[in-house]
Amino acid sequence: MKEKFTANQIIDALREKHGNLSAAARYLGCERHTISRYINTYPTVQAVADEERETLIDFAENQLFKQVQDGNITAIIFTLKTIG
């Protein structure tokens, strides 16, 4: 079966949309399950999806860290409840 998209097109869409599968699908004009299928089929696409997810987590952790440093009590409590 010939694929509608190349693995590189899926990778580019995932990078453009920071790993958001629904946004990548809209960007390419396909369904979310198409993106998921490529992730499950192509190790290179899986690697990029994982990389984008890690980048998002790193960004969120840095933002949380800044909030804790600034004395945001909600951020402090959240940090202590989840990793303290």
Protein backbone atom coordinates (compact mmCIF):
# COMPACT_ATOMS: atom_id res chain seq x y z
CA MET A 1 0.00 0.00 0.00
CA LYS A 2 1.37 3.40 -0.97
CA GLU A 3 1.31 5.89 1.87
CA LYS A 4 -0.32 9.27 1.32
CA PHE A 5 2.48 11.01 3.25
CA THR A 6 6.15 10.33 3.65
CA ALA A 7 7.57 9.74 7.10
CA ASN A 8 9.44 13.03 6.69
CA GLN A 9 6.19 14.93 6.06
CA ILE A 10 4.76 13.50 9.28
CA ILE A 11 7.97 14.36 11.13
CA ASP A 12 7.88 17.94 9.81
CA ALA A 13 4.25 18.31 10.89
CA LEU A 14 5.00 16.94 14.37
CA ARG A 15 7.90 19.36 14.76
CA GLU A 16 5.85 22.29 13.41
CA LYS A 17 3.06 21.51 15.90
CA HIS A 18 5.36 20.59 18.79
CA GLY A 19 4.23 16.98 18.98
CA ASN A 20 0.51 17.73 19.12
CA LEU A 21 -1.01 14.89 17.08
CA SER A 22 -4.35 16.58 16.42
CA ALA A 23 -2.68 19.81 15.33
CA ALA A 24 -0.25 17.89 13.09
CA ALA A 25 -3.18 16.06 11.50
CA ARG A 26 -5.03 19.32 10.82
CA TYR A 27 -1.82 20.78 9.39
CA LEU A 28 -1.58 17.88 6.92
CA GLY A 29 -5.31 17.59 6.27
CA CYS A 30 -5.66 14.07 7.64
CA GLU A 31 -7.09 12.29 10.66
CA ARG A 32 -5.32 12.01 14.02
CA HIS A 33 -5.25 8.22 13.71
CA THR A 34 -3.14 8.63 10.56
CA ILE A 35 -0.46 10.37 12.60
CA SER A 36 -0.72 7.66 15.27
CA ARG A 37 -0.37 4.94 12.65
CA TYR A 38 2.81 6.52 11.28
CA ILE A 39 4.18 6.79 14.84
CA ASN A 40 3.48 3.10 15.40
CA THR A 41 4.86 2.09 11.99
CA TYR A 42 7.99 4.20 11.53
CA PRO A 43 10.66 4.29 14.27
CA THR A 44 11.94 7.64 12.97
CA VAL A 45 8.50 9.19 13.42
CA GLN A 46 8.19 7.61 16.89
CA ALA A 47 11.56 9.11 17.86
CA VAL A 48 10.46 12.61 16.83
CA ALA A 49 7.11 12.26 18.63
CA ASP A 50 8.98 11.20 21.79
CA GLU A 51 11.49 14.03 21.39
CA GLU A 52 8.74 16.63 21.03
CA ARG A 53 6.95 15.26 24.12
CA GLU A 54 10.19 15.46 26.14
CA THR A 55 10.76 19.03 24.96
CA LEU A 56 7.28 19.99 26.17
CA ILE A 57 7.85 18.33 29.54
CA ASP A 58 11.21 20.09 29.92
CA PHE A 59 9.58 23.43 29.13
CA ALA A 60 6.78 22.85 31.64
CA GLU A 61 9.27 21.81 34.32
CA ASN A 62 11.27 24.99 33.74
CA GLN A 63 8.14 27.13 34.01
CA LEU A 64 7.14 25.35 37.22
CA PHE A 65 10.64 25.87 38.60
CA LYS A 66 10.39 29.60 37.89
CA GLN A 67 7.04 29.76 39.66
CA VAL A 68 8.45 27.96 42.70
CA GLN A 69 11.42 30.35 42.74
CA ASP A 70 9.01 33.29 42.62
CA GLY A 71 7.20 31.97 45.70
CA ASN A 72 3.98 30.91 43.95
CA ILE A 73 2.35 28.90 46.75
CA THR A 74 0.22 26.84 44.33
CA ALA A 75 3.33 25.84 42.39
CA ILE A 76 5.15 25.02 45.60
CA ILE A 77 2.31 22.82 46.85
CA PHE A 78 1.99 21.13 43.47
CA THR A 79 5.72 20.40 43.40
CA LEU A 80 5.71 18.99 46.91
CA LYS A 81 2.63 16.83 46.25
CA THR A 82 3.93 15.41 42.99
CA ILE A 83 7.67 15.03 43.47
CA GLY A 84 8.39 16.02 47.07
